[in-house]
């Protein structure tokens, strides 16, 4: 009887569908990179991010906050630093077991944990202090850069400025623009 259960267990593993990871290719004026998103751990956040990918509204946005050894942030402002329209905020999923480690992507937000809309950042270093703790929500990690992390490092080497009229710091002197962003088929 035990052999039959073992055989059925193996058969279930063979027949069970394998969920492909969602991949997104990003082309920028500084180079390209590929993201692998984690729908299992951050379904609402991935769905939110893909809404902006699919409607094409990330194209033409810039990486407006670049801090070496910390983060590269983008998705919310056009080339002239005008805010882009947003959908409703997404619920915070920072207690999903994913951590703000080097090469991960997470949602930017205000002090309100449930305020993330379209801005995202890529961790250049391990930033565990951005993770959730038992006493506070953190910043939701929802994937990682799986190809082209050297592009992110290149972005961090660009000179930045402060723009007092926009109340923004760490803005690349030459705008770094997302020129294309699309889902990529996985085998």
Protein backbone atom coordinates (compact mmCIF):
# COMPACT_ATOMS: atom_id res chain seq x y z
CA UNK A 1 0.00 0.00 0.00
CA UNK A 2 2.88 2.36 0.85
CA UNK A 3 4.34 1.89 -2.64
CA UNK A 4 1.05 2.93 -4.23
CA UNK A 5 0.93 6.16 -2.17
CA UNK A 6 4.55 6.92 -3.03
CA UNK A 7 3.84 6.33 -6.71
CA UNK A 8 0.75 8.55 -6.58
CA UNK A 9 2.81 11.28 -4.88
CA UNK A 10 5.45 11.14 -7.61
CA UNK A 11 2.77 11.14 -10.29
CA UNK A 12 1.14 14.22 -8.73
CA UNK A 13 4.48 16.04 -8.87
CA UNK A 14 4.97 15.12 -12.52
CA UNK A 15 1.45 16.12 -13.56
CA UNK A 16 1.19 19.28 -11.42
CA UNK A 17 1.54 22.42 -13.49
CA UNK A 18 4.74 24.35 -12.96
CA UNK A 19 3.99 28.02 -12.52
CA UNK A 20 6.34 30.04 -14.71
CA UNK A 21 7.81 33.17 -13.17
CA UNK A 22 6.82 36.42 -14.77
CA UNK A 23 9.81 38.05 -16.44
CA UNK A 24 9.99 41.71 -17.48
CA UNK A 25 12.65 43.16 -19.79
CA UNK A 26 13.55 46.80 -19.18
CA UNK A 27 15.46 48.92 -21.70
CA UNK A 28 16.96 52.21 -20.54
CA UNK A 29 19.22 54.89 -21.93
CA UNK A 30 22.01 53.37 -19.79
CA UNK A 31 21.47 49.71 -20.76
CA UNK A 32 19.05 46.87 -20.22
CA UNK A 33 18.09 44.49 -17.42
CA UNK A 34 15.58 41.70 -16.78
CA UNK A 35 13.37 41.28 -13.73
CA UNK A 36 11.91 38.05 -12.40
CA UNK A 37 8.74 38.78 -10.41
CA UNK A 38 7.46 36.65 -7.55
CA UNK A 39 3.68 36.31 -7.89
CA UNK A 40 3.58 33.63 -5.19
CA UNK A 41 4.92 35.88 -2.43
CA UNK A 42 3.61 39.28 -3.60
CA UNK A 43 0.55 38.72 -5.82
CA UNK A 44 -1.06 42.14 -5.32
CA UNK A 45 2.20 44.01 -5.81
CA UNK A 46 3.16 42.06 -8.93
CA UNK A 47 -0.31 42.62 -10.38
CA UNK A 48 -0.01 46.34 -9.64
CA UNK A 49 3.45 46.61 -11.23
CA UNK A 50 2.34 44.68 -14.33
CA UNK A 51 -0.62 47.04 -14.75
CA UNK A 52 1.86 49.87 -15.40
CA UNK A 53 4.05 47.63 -17.57
CA UNK A 54 1.10 46.50 -19.68
CA UNK A 55 -0.43 49.95 -20.14
CA UNK A 56 2.95 51.28 -21.32
CA UNK A 57 3.05 54.13 -18.82
CA UNK A 58 6.52 53.28 -17.47
CA UNK A 59 7.95 54.10 -20.91
CA UNK A 60 9.35 57.61 -20.82
CA UNK A 61 9.76 57.68 -17.04
CA UNK A 62 13.13 58.28 -15.49
CA UNK A 63 15.20 56.96 -12.63
CA UNK A 64 14.81 60.08 -10.52
CA UNK A 65 16.56 58.98 -7.32
CA UNK A 66 19.99 57.37 -7.56
CA UNK A 67 22.00 56.74 -4.41
CA UNK A 68 25.14 54.60 -4.78
CA UNK A 69 25.34 51.67 -2.34
CA UNK A 70 21.62 52.13 -1.58
CA UNK A 71 18.92 52.25 -4.30
CA UNK A 72 18.00 53.25 -7.84
CA UNK A 73 14.39 54.51 -7.87
CA UNK A 74 12.10 55.22 -10.81
CA UNK A 75 8.76 54.83 -12.49
CA UNK A 76 6.98 57.91 -11.17
CA UNK A 77 8.24 60.91 -13.12
CA UNK A 78 8.67 61.77 -16.79
CA UNK A 79 11.83 63.20 -18.35
CA UNK A 80 10.90 66.70 -17.10
CA UNK A 81 10.23 65.41 -13.57
CA UNK A 82 6.47 65.77 -13.87
CA UNK A 83 4.51 63.19 -11.88
CA UNK A 84 2.85 60.47 -13.94
CA UNK A 85 -0.76 59.46 -13.18
CA UNK A 86 -1.28 56.54 -10.81
CA UNK A 87 -3.80 53.83 -10.16
CA UNK A 88 -5.06 53.27 -6.62
CA UNK A 89 -2.47 52.27 -4.01
CA UNK A 90 -1.71 48.61 -3.42
CA UNK A 91 -1.88 46.82 -0.06
CA UNK A 92 1.49 46.37 1.63
CA UNK A 93 2.83 42.80 1.33
CA UNK A 94 6.17 43.32 3.07
CA UNK A 95 5.68 40.37 5.44
CA UNK A 96 5.97 37.95 2.51
CA UNK A 97 9.36 36.50 3.42
CA UNK A 98 11.24 38.40 0.70
CA UNK A 99 13.96 40.78 1.85
CA UNK A 100 15.49 44.03 0.59
CA UNK A 101 18.71 42.44 -0.60
CA UNK A 102 21.08 43.46 -3.37
CA UNK A 103 19.43 43.19 -6.82
CA UNK A 104 15.85 42.91 -5.52
CA UNK A 105 13.03 45.18 -6.69
CA UNK A 106 10.56 46.68 -4.22
CA UNK A 107 7.80 49.27 -4.17
CA UNK A 108 8.50 52.81 -3.01
CA UNK A 109 5.90 54.38 -0.75
CA UNK A 110 5.29 57.23 1.69
CA UNK A 111 5.13 56.83 5.48
CA UNK A 112 1.74 55.19 4.95
CA UNK A 113 2.55 51.48 4.45
CA UNK A 114 -0.35 51.06 2.00
CA UNK A 115 0.56 54.01 -0.25
CA UNK A 116 2.66 52.33 -2.97
CA UNK A 117 1.43 53.06 -6.49
CA UNK A 118 3.85 53.11 -9.44
CA UNK A 119 7.29 54.00 -8.09
CA UNK A 120 9.72 51.15 -7.55
CA UNK A 121 13.33 50.82 -6.53
CA UNK A 122 16.11 48.35 -7.04
CA UNK A 123 18.37 47.64 -4.09
CA UNK A 124 22.02 48.24 -4.92
CA UNK A 125 23.08 46.81 -1.53
CA UNK A 126 21.50 44.71 1.19
CA UNK A 127 19.04 47.07 2.90
CA UNK A 128 17.54 44.97 5.67
CA UNK A 129 16.39 48.05 7.56
CA UNK A 130 13.69 48.43 4.86
CA UNK A 131 12.21 45.02 5.71
CA UNK A 132 9.16 44.45 7.89
CA UNK A 133 9.66 43.71 11.57
CA UNK A 134 7.15 42.37 14.09
CA UNK A 135 6.36 46.00 15.03
CA UNK A 136 6.21 47.69 11.63
CA UNK A 137 5.52 47.07 7.97
CA UNK A 138 8.41 47.47 5.57
CA UNK A 139 8.79 48.01 1.84
CA UNK A 140 7.38 45.22 -0.32
CA UNK A 141 9.95 43.23 -2.28
CA UNK A 142 8.34 41.54 -5.29
CA UNK A 143 11.17 40.26 -7.47
CA UNK A 144 14.80 40.52 -8.46
CA UNK A 145 17.11 41.53 -11.27
CA UNK A 146 18.19 38.27 -12.89
CA UNK A 147 20.08 39.71 -15.84
CA UNK A 148 21.85 43.04 -16.43
CA UNK A 149 22.54 44.12 -12.85
CA UNK A 150 25.63 45.81 -14.31
CA UNK A 151 23.18 48.33 -15.85
CA UNK A 152 21.95 49.22 -12.37
CA UNK A 153 25.55 49.67 -11.22
CA UNK A 154 26.22 51.89 -14.25
CA UNK A 155 23.22 54.03 -13.29
CA UNK A 156 24.67 54.52 -9.78
CA UNK A 157 27.87 55.94 -11.28
CA UNK A 158 26.10 58.84 -12.99
CA UNK A 159 26.50 62.31 -11.45
CA UNK A 160 23.45 63.55 -9.55
CA UNK A 161 22.10 66.96 -8.60
CA UNK A 162 19.61 68.54 -6.24
CA UNK A 163 16.64 70.31 -7.83
CA UNK A 164 15.31 72.75 -5.21
CA UNK A 165 12.27 73.81 -7.28
CA UNK A 166 11.07 70.18 -7.31
CA UNK A 167 12.34 69.47 -3.78
CA UNK A 168 14.28 66.48 -5.11
CA UNK A 169 17.77 65.20 -4.35
CA UNK A 170 19.97 62.57 -5.98
CA UNK A 171 18.53 63.21 -9.46
CA UNK A 172 20.80 62.10 -12.32
CA UNK A 173 22.24 65.13 -14.08
CA UNK A 174 21.42 63.51 -17.43
CA UNK A 175 17.99 61.85 -17.27
CA UNK A 176 18.10 58.04 -17.36
CA UNK A 177 14.92 57.03 -19.18
CA UNK A 178 13.01 53.76 -19.50
CA UNK A 179 12.69 53.41 -23.29
CA UNK A 180 10.85 50.06 -23.30
CA UNK A 181 9.46 47.65 -20.72
CA UNK A 182 7.68 44.42 -21.60
CA UNK A 183 6.80 41.00 -20.28
CA UNK A 184 9.12 38.33 -21.60
CA UNK A 185 8.02 34.81 -22.48
CA UNK A 186 9.60 32.09 -20.34
CA UNK A 187 10.16 28.54 -21.52
